[in-house]
Amino acid sequence: MAKLIYSAATSLDGYVNDEDGNFDWAAPDEEVHTFFNDLERPVGTHLYGRRMYETMRYWQDPEGLDAAADYIRDYAGIWQDADKVVYSRTLESPSTPRTRIESEFDPAVVRELKEAADADLSVGGAGLAAEALRAGLVDELHLVLNPVIVGGGTHWLPDGLRVNLELLEERRFAGGAVHLHYRTRS
């Protein structure tokens, strides 16, 4: 059975964006970007909420891709080669290939998707990840803590949720970011 993985880049105080919705402070340098490339390379399907999809669809046709650094071109290819499921009540049709829209997040359907998948799945967006975590569907969490405190915004994890975790690995990056990799425990 495939794993469902939640990865996020946050501020030290646990936010994926600040109070104004900005996340430019989390822009990865080459080392962190290459790490994310390797993390997402084995993912066959991304599960997104609408806002995360609208952010990530940039990778379908990035401006200036031919002249971009190798690690940028690599990530664009990784993203384009994966399937996407977008949970949205407002989007009627996808704007990228290999994408389908679902109006409701159904844990039973995601469980079936995990069982049938040949490759791991990822969940993107704090709101959708919260639903998957509450349903007990998330198998692993990857957190990249950035060396910044933003004081408010969207938390990467929901309030009122208790999940026991096992630390699998950690890594420090030259720019001051830190990666933590956990597995959920029953």
N, C-alpha and C. Protein backbone atom coordinates (compact mmCIF):
# COMPACT_ATOMS: atom_id res chain seq x y z
N MET A 1 0.85 -1.18 0.00
CA MET A 1 0.00 0.00 0.00
C MET A 1 0.89 1.24 0.00
N ALA A 2 0.50 2.22 -0.78
CA ALA A 2 1.24 3.47 -0.86
C ALA A 2 1.06 4.29 0.42
N LYS A 3 2.02 5.15 0.67
CA LYS A 3 1.94 6.06 1.82
C LYS A 3 1.34 7.38 1.38
N LEU A 4 0.68 8.06 2.33
CA LEU A 4 0.23 9.44 2.13
C LEU A 4 1.16 10.32 2.95
N ILE A 5 1.81 11.25 2.29
CA ILE A 5 2.85 12.07 2.90
C ILE A 5 2.44 13.53 2.91
N TYR A 6 2.60 14.17 4.05
CA TYR A 6 2.34 15.61 4.17
C TYR A 6 3.68 16.30 4.36
N SER A 7 4.02 17.18 3.44
CA SER A 7 5.25 17.96 3.51
C SER A 7 4.90 19.43 3.56
N ALA A 8 5.63 20.17 4.38
CA ALA A 8 5.39 21.61 4.47
C ALA A 8 6.67 22.33 4.83
N ALA A 9 6.77 23.56 4.35
CA ALA A 9 7.83 24.47 4.76
C ALA A 9 7.17 25.52 5.65
N THR A 10 7.68 25.67 6.86
CA THR A 10 7.06 26.58 7.81
C THR A 10 8.06 27.54 8.40
N SER A 11 7.51 28.55 9.07
CA SER A 11 8.32 29.42 9.92
C SER A 11 8.64 28.66 11.20
N LEU A 12 9.57 29.16 11.98
CA LEU A 12 9.91 28.51 13.24
C LEU A 12 8.70 28.43 14.16
N ASP A 13 7.80 29.41 14.05
CA ASP A 13 6.60 29.38 14.90
C ASP A 13 5.43 28.59 14.27
N GLY A 14 5.70 27.83 13.21
CA GLY A 14 4.75 26.85 12.70
C GLY A 14 3.73 27.31 11.69
N TYR A 15 4.01 28.39 10.96
CA TYR A 15 3.06 28.90 9.97
C TYR A 15 3.55 28.61 8.55
N VAL A 16 2.60 28.27 7.66
CA VAL A 16 2.93 28.05 6.25
C VAL A 16 2.84 29.35 5.45
N ASN A 17 2.16 30.33 6.01
CA ASN A 17 2.14 31.68 5.44
C ASN A 17 1.93 32.66 6.60
N ASP A 18 2.17 33.93 6.33
CA ASP A 18 2.01 34.92 7.39
C ASP A 18 0.58 35.47 7.40
N GLU A 19 0.32 36.44 8.24
CA GLU A 19 -1.04 36.97 8.38
C GLU A 19 -1.58 37.60 7.11
N ASP A 20 -0.68 38.00 6.19
CA ASP A 20 -1.11 38.57 4.92
C ASP A 20 -1.17 37.52 3.81
N GLY A 21 -0.92 36.26 4.16
CA GLY A 21 -0.94 35.18 3.18
C GLY A 21 0.36 35.00 2.43
N ASN A 22 1.39 35.75 2.80
CA ASN A 22 2.68 35.66 2.11
C ASN A 22 3.50 34.48 2.63
N PHE A 23 4.26 33.89 1.73
CA PHE A 23 5.17 32.81 2.13
C PHE A 23 6.52 32.96 1.41
N ASP A 24 6.81 34.19 0.96
CA ASP A 24 8.07 34.43 0.26
C ASP A 24 9.28 34.14 1.15
N TRP A 25 9.12 34.22 2.45
CA TRP A 25 10.19 33.92 3.39
C TRP A 25 10.56 32.43 3.38
N ALA A 26 9.73 31.60 2.76
CA ALA A 26 10.00 30.16 2.69
C ALA A 26 10.57 29.74 1.33
N ALA A 27 10.90 30.71 0.47
CA ALA A 27 11.44 30.37 -0.85
C ALA A 27 12.73 29.57 -0.66
N PRO A 28 12.78 28.34 -1.19
CA PRO A 28 13.94 27.50 -0.95
C PRO A 28 15.15 27.92 -1.77
N ASP A 29 16.32 27.83 -1.15
CA ASP A 29 17.55 28.01 -1.90
C ASP A 29 17.83 26.72 -2.69
N GLU A 30 18.91 26.68 -3.43
CA GLU A 30 19.19 25.52 -4.29
C GLU A 30 19.27 24.22 -3.48
N GLU A 31 19.90 24.26 -2.33
CA GLU A 31 20.06 23.04 -1.52
C GLU A 31 18.70 22.51 -1.06
N VAL A 32 17.84 23.38 -0.54
CA VAL A 32 16.53 22.96 -0.05
C VAL A 32 15.63 22.55 -1.22
N HIS A 33 15.70 23.30 -2.32
CA HIS A 33 14.88 22.98 -3.49
C HIS A 33 15.25 21.59 -4.01
N THR A 34 16.54 21.30 -4.10
CA THR A 34 16.99 19.99 -4.56
C THR A 34 16.51 18.90 -3.62
N PHE A 35 16.52 19.18 -2.32
CA PHE A 35 16.00 18.24 -1.33
C PHE A 35 14.52 17.96 -1.59
N PHE A 36 13.72 19.02 -1.81
CA PHE A 36 12.29 18.84 -2.11
C PHE A 36 12.10 18.06 -3.40
N ASN A 37 12.96 18.31 -4.41
CA ASN A 37 12.87 17.53 -5.65
C ASN A 37 12.99 16.04 -5.35
N ASP A 38 14.01 15.68 -4.56
CA ASP A 38 14.22 14.27 -4.24
C ASP A 38 13.09 13.71 -3.39
N LEU A 39 12.52 14.54 -2.54
CA LEU A 39 11.40 14.12 -1.69
C LEU A 39 10.15 13.84 -2.53
N GLU A 40 9.92 14.65 -3.55
CA GLU A 40 8.69 14.51 -4.35
C GLU A 40 8.85 13.63 -5.58
N ARG A 41 10.08 13.29 -5.94
CA ARG A 41 10.30 12.47 -7.14
C ARG A 41 9.51 11.15 -7.11
N PRO A 42 9.42 10.43 -5.99
CA PRO A 42 8.67 9.17 -5.99
C PRO A 42 7.15 9.31 -5.86
N VAL A 43 6.64 10.53 -5.71
CA VAL A 43 5.20 10.73 -5.53
C VAL A 43 4.50 10.58 -6.88
N GLY A 44 3.47 9.75 -6.90
CA GLY A 44 2.72 9.54 -8.13
C GLY A 44 1.48 10.41 -8.24
N THR A 45 0.93 10.81 -7.07
CA THR A 45 -0.30 11.61 -7.06
C THR A 45 -0.24 12.64 -5.95
N HIS A 46 -0.56 13.87 -6.30
CA HIS A 46 -0.66 14.97 -5.33
C HIS A 46 -2.14 15.24 -5.06
N LEU A 47 -2.50 15.33 -3.79
CA LEU A 47 -3.84 15.74 -3.38
C LEU A 47 -3.73 17.19 -2.93
N TYR A 48 -4.51 18.07 -3.53
CA TYR A 48 -4.44 19.50 -3.24
C TYR A 48 -5.81 20.07 -2.90
N GLY A 49 -5.81 21.06 -2.04
CA GLY A 49 -6.94 21.96 -1.93
C GLY A 49 -6.83 22.97 -3.07
N ARG A 50 -7.88 23.72 -3.29
CA ARG A 50 -7.89 24.67 -4.42
C ARG A 50 -6.76 25.68 -4.37
N ARG A 51 -6.55 26.31 -3.22
CA ARG A 51 -5.51 27.35 -3.14
C ARG A 51 -4.12 26.80 -3.39
N MET A 52 -3.83 25.62 -2.85
CA MET A 52 -2.51 25.03 -3.08
C MET A 52 -2.35 24.66 -4.55
N TYR A 53 -3.40 24.14 -5.15
CA TYR A 53 -3.35 23.82 -6.58
C TYR A 53 -3.09 25.08 -7.40
N GLU A 54 -3.78 26.15 -7.07
CA GLU A 54 -3.59 27.39 -7.82
C GLU A 54 -2.17 27.91 -7.68
N THR A 55 -1.55 27.67 -6.56
CA THR A 55 -0.15 28.05 -6.37
C THR A 55 0.77 27.12 -7.16
N MET A 56 0.52 25.83 -7.08
CA MET A 56 1.42 24.84 -7.67
C MET A 56 1.29 24.72 -9.19
N ARG A 57 0.17 25.11 -9.74
CA ARG A 57 0.01 24.96 -11.20
C ARG A 57 1.00 25.84 -11.97
N TYR A 58 1.64 26.74 -11.30
CA TYR A 58 2.75 27.51 -11.90
C TYR A 58 3.75 26.56 -12.57
N TRP A 59 3.96 25.38 -11.95
CA TRP A 59 4.98 24.46 -12.42
C TRP A 59 4.60 23.75 -13.72
N GLN A 60 3.39 23.94 -14.20
CA GLN A 60 3.01 23.34 -15.47
C GLN A 60 3.73 24.00 -16.63
N ASP A 61 3.94 25.31 -16.54
CA ASP A 61 4.58 26.04 -17.64
C ASP A 61 5.29 27.28 -17.10
N PRO A 62 6.34 27.08 -16.29
CA PRO A 62 7.03 28.23 -15.69
C PRO A 62 7.68 29.11 -16.75
N GLU A 63 7.54 30.41 -16.57
CA GLU A 63 8.15 31.37 -17.48
C GLU A 63 9.67 31.25 -17.39
N GLY A 64 10.34 31.22 -18.53
CA GLY A 64 11.79 31.17 -18.58
C GLY A 64 12.39 29.84 -18.18
N LEU A 65 11.61 28.77 -18.27
CA LEU A 65 12.08 27.47 -17.80
C LEU A 65 13.34 27.00 -18.55
N ASP A 66 13.42 27.25 -19.85
CA ASP A 66 14.57 26.79 -20.62
C ASP A 66 15.89 27.37 -20.09
N ALA A 67 15.83 28.58 -19.55
CA ALA A 67 17.05 29.23 -19.04
C ALA A 67 17.22 29.05 -17.53
N ALA A 68 16.30 28.37 -16.90
CA ALA A 68 16.34 28.20 -15.45
C ALA A 68 17.41 27.19 -15.04
N ALA A 69 17.77 27.24 -13.77
CA ALA A 69 18.74 26.31 -13.21
C ALA A 69 18.24 24.87 -13.34
N ASP A 70 19.15 23.91 -13.37
CA ASP A 70 18.80 22.50 -13.52
C ASP A 70 17.80 22.04 -12.47
N TYR A 71 17.97 22.45 -11.22
CA TYR A 71 17.08 21.98 -10.17
C TYR A 71 15.66 22.53 -10.33
N ILE A 72 15.52 23.68 -10.96
CA ILE A 72 14.20 24.25 -11.25
C ILE A 72 13.54 23.45 -12.37
N ARG A 73 14.28 23.20 -13.44
CA ARG A 73 13.74 22.41 -14.55
C ARG A 73 13.39 20.99 -14.08
N ASP A 74 14.22 20.45 -13.19
CA ASP A 74 13.96 19.12 -12.64
C ASP A 74 12.62 19.10 -11.90
N TYR A 75 12.39 20.09 -11.05
CA TYR A 75 11.15 20.10 -10.29
C TYR A 75 9.93 20.26 -11.20
N ALA A 76 10.05 21.10 -12.20
CA ALA A 76 8.92 21.27 -13.13
C ALA A 76 8.55 19.92 -13.76
N GLY A 77 9.55 19.16 -14.17
CA GLY A 77 9.28 17.84 -14.75
C GLY A 77 8.66 16.87 -13.76
N ILE A 78 9.15 16.90 -12.53
CA ILE A 78 8.60 16.03 -11.47
C ILE A 78 7.12 16.35 -11.28
N TRP A 79 6.80 17.65 -11.19
CA TRP A 79 5.41 18.06 -10.95
C TRP A 79 4.52 17.71 -12.14
N GLN A 80 5.01 17.96 -13.34
CA GLN A 80 4.22 17.69 -14.54
C GLN A 80 3.93 16.20 -14.72
N ASP A 81 4.86 15.35 -14.28
CA ASP A 81 4.71 13.90 -14.47
C ASP A 81 3.79 13.24 -13.46
N ALA A 82 3.40 13.96 -12.41
CA ALA A 82 2.54 13.38 -11.37
C ALA A 82 1.07 13.68 -11.66
N ASP A 83 0.21 12.81 -11.17
CA ASP A 83 -1.23 13.05 -11.23
C ASP A 83 -1.61 13.99 -10.10
N LYS A 84 -2.72 14.72 -10.28
CA LYS A 84 -3.21 15.65 -9.27
C LYS A 84 -4.70 15.44 -9.06
N VAL A 85 -5.10 15.45 -7.80
CA VAL A 85 -6.52 15.45 -7.44
C VAL A 85 -6.74 16.72 -6.64
N VAL A 86 -7.66 17.56 -7.13
CA VAL A 86 -7.92 18.85 -6.50
C VAL A 86 -9.31 18.82 -5.87
N TYR A 87 -9.36 19.14 -4.58
CA TYR A 87 -10.63 19.17 -3.85
C TYR A 87 -11.13 20.61 -3.81
N SER A 88 -12.22 20.85 -4.52
CA SER A 88 -12.73 22.21 -4.63
C SER A 88 -14.21 22.18 -4.95
N ARG A 89 -14.94 23.07 -4.31
CA ARG A 89 -16.36 23.23 -4.64
C ARG A 89 -16.56 24.33 -5.67
N THR A 90 -15.50 25.07 -5.99
CA THR A 90 -15.63 26.21 -6.91
C THR A 90 -15.00 25.96 -8.27
N LEU A 91 -13.98 25.13 -8.37
CA LEU A 91 -13.37 24.85 -9.67
C LEU A 91 -14.25 23.85 -10.42
N GLU A 92 -14.52 24.16 -11.68
CA GLU A 92 -15.34 23.26 -12.48
C GLU A 92 -14.49 22.33 -13.32
N SER A 93 -13.31 22.81 -13.73
CA SER A 93 -12.43 21.97 -14.54
C SER A 93 -10.98 22.35 -14.26
N PRO A 94 -10.07 21.40 -14.43
CA PRO A 94 -8.66 21.68 -14.15
C PRO A 94 -8.03 22.52 -15.26
N SER A 95 -6.97 23.23 -14.90
CA SER A 95 -6.24 24.02 -15.89
C SER A 95 -4.89 23.39 -16.24
N THR A 96 -4.67 22.17 -15.76
CA THR A 96 -3.43 21.45 -16.05
C THR A 96 -3.77 20.01 -16.43
N PRO A 97 -2.88 19.39 -17.23
CA PRO A 97 -3.08 17.97 -17.56
C PRO A 97 -2.92 17.09 -16.32
N ARG A 98 -3.36 15.85 -16.44
CA ARG A 98 -3.21 14.84 -15.39
C ARG A 98 -3.86 15.28 -14.08
N THR A 99 -4.94 16.05 -14.19
CA THR A 99 -5.60 16.63 -13.02
C THR A 99 -7.09 16.37 -13.08
N ARG A 100 -7.64 16.00 -11.93
CA ARG A 100 -9.10 15.87 -11.85
C ARG A 100 -9.58 16.63 -10.62
N ILE A 101 -10.82 17.09 -10.71
CA ILE A 101 -11.44 17.88 -9.63
C ILE A 101 -12.43 16.99 -8.89
N GLU A 102 -12.38 17.03 -7.59
CA GLU A 102 -13.35 16.36 -6.72
C GLU A 102 -13.98 17.43 -5.85
N SER A 103 -15.30 17.39 -5.70
CA SER A 103 -15.96 18.44 -4.91
C SER A 103 -15.84 18.21 -3.41
N GLU A 104 -15.65 16.97 -2.98
CA GLU A 104 -15.59 16.67 -1.54
C GLU A 104 -14.41 15.76 -1.25
N PHE A 105 -13.77 15.97 -0.11
CA PHE A 105 -12.74 15.07 0.38
C PHE A 105 -13.43 13.91 1.07
N ASP A 106 -13.24 12.71 0.55
CA ASP A 106 -13.87 11.51 1.10
C ASP A 106 -12.76 10.58 1.58
N PRO A 107 -12.57 10.44 2.90
CA PRO A 107 -11.50 9.58 3.42
C PRO A 107 -11.53 8.16 2.87
N ALA A 108 -12.72 7.59 2.67
CA ALA A 108 -12.81 6.22 2.15
C ALA A 108 -12.24 6.14 0.74
N VAL A 109 -12.50 7.14 -0.07
CA VAL A 109 -11.98 7.16 -1.44
C VAL A 109 -10.46 7.32 -1.42
N VAL A 110 -9.94 8.17 -0.54
CA VAL A 110 -8.49 8.34 -0.45
C VAL A 110 -7.84 7.05 0.06
N ARG A 111 -8.47 6.37 0.99
CA ARG A 111 -7.96 5.09 1.48
C ARG A 111 -7.87 4.09 0.31
N GLU A 112 -8.89 4.05 -0.52
CA GLU A 112 -8.87 3.17 -1.70
C GLU A 112 -7.78 3.58 -2.68
N LEU A 113 -7.60 4.88 -2.84
CA LEU A 113 -6.54 5.39 -3.72
C LEU A 113 -5.17 4.94 -3.22
N LYS A 114 -4.95 5.01 -1.91
CA LYS A 114 -3.68 4.55 -1.33
C LYS A 114 -3.48 3.06 -1.58
N GLU A 115 -4.53 2.29 -1.40
CA GLU A 115 -4.43 0.84 -1.57
C GLU A 115 -4.14 0.44 -3.00
N ALA A 116 -4.64 1.20 -3.96
CA ALA A 116 -4.48 0.86 -5.37
C ALA A 116 -3.24 1.47 -6.01
N ALA A 117 -2.62 2.44 -5.35
CA ALA A 117 -1.52 3.19 -5.97
C ALA A 117 -0.23 2.39 -6.04
N ASP A 118 0.50 2.61 -7.12
CA ASP A 118 1.83 2.01 -7.29
C ASP A 118 2.92 2.91 -6.73
N ALA A 119 2.59 4.17 -6.48
CA ALA A 119 3.55 5.13 -5.96
C ALA A 119 2.90 5.90 -4.82
N ASP A 120 3.72 6.51 -3.98
CA ASP A 120 3.20 7.27 -2.84
C ASP A 120 2.38 8.46 -3.30
N LEU A 121 1.57 8.96 -2.36
CA LEU A 121 0.74 10.15 -2.59
C LEU A 121 1.20 11.23 -1.63
N SER A 122 0.96 12.47 -2.00
CA SER A 122 1.23 13.58 -1.10
C SER A 122 -0.04 14.39 -0.92
N VAL A 123 -0.14 15.05 0.22
CA VAL A 123 -1.25 15.94 0.46
C VAL A 123 -0.67 17.33 0.66
N GLY A 124 -1.21 18.32 -0.06
CA GLY A 124 -0.68 19.66 -0.02
C GLY A 124 -1.74 20.67 0.38
N GLY A 125 -1.36 21.55 1.27
CA GLY A 125 -2.27 22.56 1.78
C GLY A 125 -2.67 22.21 3.19
N ALA A 126 -2.55 23.15 4.10
CA ALA A 126 -2.80 22.89 5.52
C ALA A 126 -4.23 22.45 5.80
N GLY A 127 -5.21 23.03 5.11
CA GLY A 127 -6.60 22.66 5.35
C GLY A 127 -6.89 21.23 4.94
N LEU A 128 -6.47 20.85 3.74
CA LEU A 128 -6.69 19.48 3.27
C LEU A 128 -5.89 18.49 4.10
N ALA A 129 -4.65 18.86 4.44
CA ALA A 129 -3.83 17.98 5.29
C ALA A 129 -4.50 17.76 6.64
N ALA A 130 -5.14 18.79 7.18
CA ALA A 130 -5.84 18.64 8.47
C ALA A 130 -6.93 17.59 8.35
N GLU A 131 -7.69 17.61 7.24
CA GLU A 131 -8.74 16.61 7.05
C GLU A 131 -8.14 15.21 6.96
N ALA A 132 -7.03 15.08 6.23
CA ALA A 132 -6.39 13.78 6.07
C ALA A 132 -5.80 13.29 7.40
N LEU A 133 -5.22 14.21 8.16
CA LEU A 133 -4.69 13.84 9.48
C LEU A 133 -5.81 13.40 10.41
N ARG A 134 -6.89 14.15 10.44
CA ARG A 134 -8.02 13.79 11.31
C ARG A 134 -8.62 12.43 10.93
N ALA A 135 -8.55 12.09 9.65
CA ALA A 135 -9.09 10.81 9.18
C ALA A 135 -8.09 9.67 9.37
N GLY A 136 -6.90 9.97 9.88
CA GLY A 136 -5.89 8.94 10.11
C GLY A 136 -5.26 8.41 8.83
N LEU A 137 -5.24 9.22 7.78
CA LEU A 137 -4.72 8.79 6.49
C LEU A 137 -3.25 9.10 6.26
N VAL A 138 -2.70 10.05 7.00
CA VAL A 138 -1.32 10.49 6.78
C VAL A 138 -0.36 9.50 7.44
N ASP A 139 0.60 9.03 6.66
CA ASP A 139 1.58 8.05 7.15
C ASP A 139 2.89 8.71 7.56
N GLU A 140 3.27 9.78 6.86
CA GLU A 140 4.54 10.45 7.15
C GLU A 140 4.37 11.95 7.02
N LEU A 141 5.18 12.67 7.80
CA LEU A 141 5.21 14.13 7.75
C LEU A 141 6.65 14.58 7.55
N HIS A 142 6.83 15.53 6.64
CA HIS A 142 8.12 16.17 6.41
C HIS A 142 7.93 17.65 6.69
N LEU A 143 8.72 18.17 7.59
CA LEU A 143 8.66 19.58 7.94
C LEU A 143 10.01 20.21 7.68
N VAL A 144 10.01 21.31 6.92
CA VAL A 144 11.22 22.12 6.77
C VAL A 144 10.95 23.42 7.50
N LEU A 145 11.64 23.58 8.63
CA LEU A 145 11.53 24.78 9.45
C LEU A 145 12.48 25.83 8.90
N ASN A 146 11.95 27.00 8.61
CA ASN A 146 12.77 28.11 8.10
C ASN A 146 13.15 29.03 9.25
N PRO A 147 14.33 29.63 9.17
CA PRO A 147 14.82 30.47 10.25
C PRO A 147 14.17 31.86 10.26
N VAL A 148 12.86 31.86 10.53
CA VAL A 148 12.10 33.11 10.58
C VAL A 148 10.90 32.90 11.50
N ILE A 149 10.53 33.92 12.23
CA ILE A 149 9.31 33.93 13.04
C ILE A 149 8.40 34.96 12.40
N VAL A 150 7.17 34.54 12.03
CA VAL A 150 6.27 35.46 11.33
C VAL A 150 5.12 35.95 12.20
N GLY A 151 4.88 35.32 13.35
CA GLY A 151 3.93 35.84 14.32
C GLY A 151 2.46 35.58 14.08
N GLY A 152 2.11 34.90 13.00
CA GLY A 152 0.71 34.61 12.73
C GLY A 152 0.53 34.18 11.29
N GLY A 153 -0.64 33.65 11.00
CA GLY A 153 -0.94 33.17 9.65
C GLY A 153 -1.68 31.86 9.71
N THR A 154 -1.36 30.96 8.81
CA THR A 154 -1.98 29.65 8.75
C THR A 154 -1.04 28.62 9.36
N HIS A 155 -1.50 27.95 10.41
CA HIS A 155 -0.70 26.89 11.03
C HIS A 155 -0.56 25.70 10.09
N TRP A 156 0.57 25.04 10.14
CA TRP A 156 0.77 23.87 9.29
C TRP A 156 0.01 22.66 9.81
N LEU A 157 -0.31 22.64 11.11
CA LEU A 157 -1.07 21.55 11.72
C LEU A 157 -2.33 22.10 12.37
N PRO A 158 -3.40 21.31 12.40
CA PRO A 158 -4.65 21.79 12.98
C PRO A 158 -4.62 21.75 14.51
N ASP A 159 -5.40 22.62 15.12
CA ASP A 159 -5.61 22.57 16.56
C ASP A 159 -6.49 21.37 16.90
N GLY A 160 -6.38 20.90 18.13
CA GLY A 160 -7.28 19.86 18.62
C GLY A 160 -7.01 18.47 18.07
N LEU A 161 -5.81 18.21 17.57
CA LEU A 161 -5.47 16.91 17.00
C LEU A 161 -4.30 16.32 17.76
N ARG A 162 -4.40 15.07 18.14
CA ARG A 162 -3.30 14.37 18.81
C ARG A 162 -2.88 13.20 17.93
N VAL A 163 -1.62 13.18 17.52
CA VAL A 163 -1.06 12.09 16.74
C VAL A 163 0.33 11.81 17.29
N ASN A 164 0.60 10.58 17.66
CA ASN A 164 1.93 10.21 18.11
C ASN A 164 2.82 9.98 16.90
N LEU A 165 4.06 10.45 17.00
CA LEU A 165 4.99 10.40 15.88
C LEU A 165 6.29 9.73 16.28
N GLU A 166 6.95 9.16 15.28
CA GLU A 166 8.28 8.60 15.45
C GLU A 166 9.23 9.36 14.53
N LEU A 167 10.29 9.95 15.10
CA LEU A 167 11.28 10.67 14.31
C LEU A 167 12.10 9.68 13.49
N LEU A 168 12.11 9.85 12.18
CA LEU A 168 12.88 8.97 11.30
C LEU A 168 14.22 9.57 10.92
N GLU A 169 14.25 10.89 10.69
CA GLU A 169 15.52 11.55 10.37
C GLU A 169 15.39 13.04 10.53
N GLU A 170 16.54 13.68 10.61
CA GLU A 170 16.59 15.14 10.64
C GLU A 170 17.81 15.57 9.83
N ARG A 171 17.75 16.81 9.34
CA ARG A 171 18.85 17.34 8.52
C ARG A 171 18.89 18.85 8.68
N ARG A 172 20.08 19.37 8.77
CA ARG A 172 20.28 20.82 8.82
C ARG A 172 20.84 21.28 7.47
N PHE A 173 20.28 22.36 6.95
CA PHE A 173 20.74 22.93 5.69
C PHE A 173 21.65 24.13 5.96
N ALA A 174 22.53 24.41 5.02
CA ALA A 174 23.52 25.48 5.19
C ALA A 174 22.87 26.84 5.46
N GLY A 175 21.70 27.10 4.88
CA GLY A 175 21.03 28.39 5.04
C GLY A 175 20.29 28.54 6.36
N GLY A 176 20.31 27.50 7.21
CA GLY A 176 19.67 27.59 8.51
C GLY A 176 18.35 26.85 8.62
N ALA A 177 17.81 26.35 7.51
CA ALA A 177 16.58 25.56 7.58
C ALA A 177 16.90 24.18 8.15
N VAL A 178 15.88 23.55 8.74
CA VAL A 178 16.03 22.23 9.33
C VAL A 178 14.88 21.34 8.85
N HIS A 179 15.20 20.13 8.43
CA HIS A 179 14.19 19.15 7.99
C HIS A 179 13.97 18.13 9.10
N LEU A 180 12.71 17.86 9.38
CA LEU A 180 12.31 16.81 10.32
C LEU A 180 11.38 15.86 9.60
N HIS A 181 11.65 14.57 9.70
CA HIS A 181 10.85 13.54 9.02
C HIS A 181 10.29 12.60 10.07
N TYR A 182 8.95 12.50 10.12
CA TYR A 182 8.27 11.68 11.10
C TYR A 182 7.37 10.66 10.43
N ARG A 183 7.16 9.56 11.13
CA ARG A 183 6.16 8.56 10.75
C ARG A 183 5.07 8.60 11.83
N THR A 184 3.82 8.48 11.40
CA THR A 184 2.74 8.44 12.38
C THR A 184 2.72 7.07 13.05
N ARG A 185 2.32 7.06 14.32
CA ARG A 185 2.22 5.80 15.07
C ARG A 185 0.78 5.63 15.53
N SER A 186 0.31 4.41 15.49
CA SER A 186 -1.07 4.14 15.93
C SER A 186 -1.15 4.24 17.44
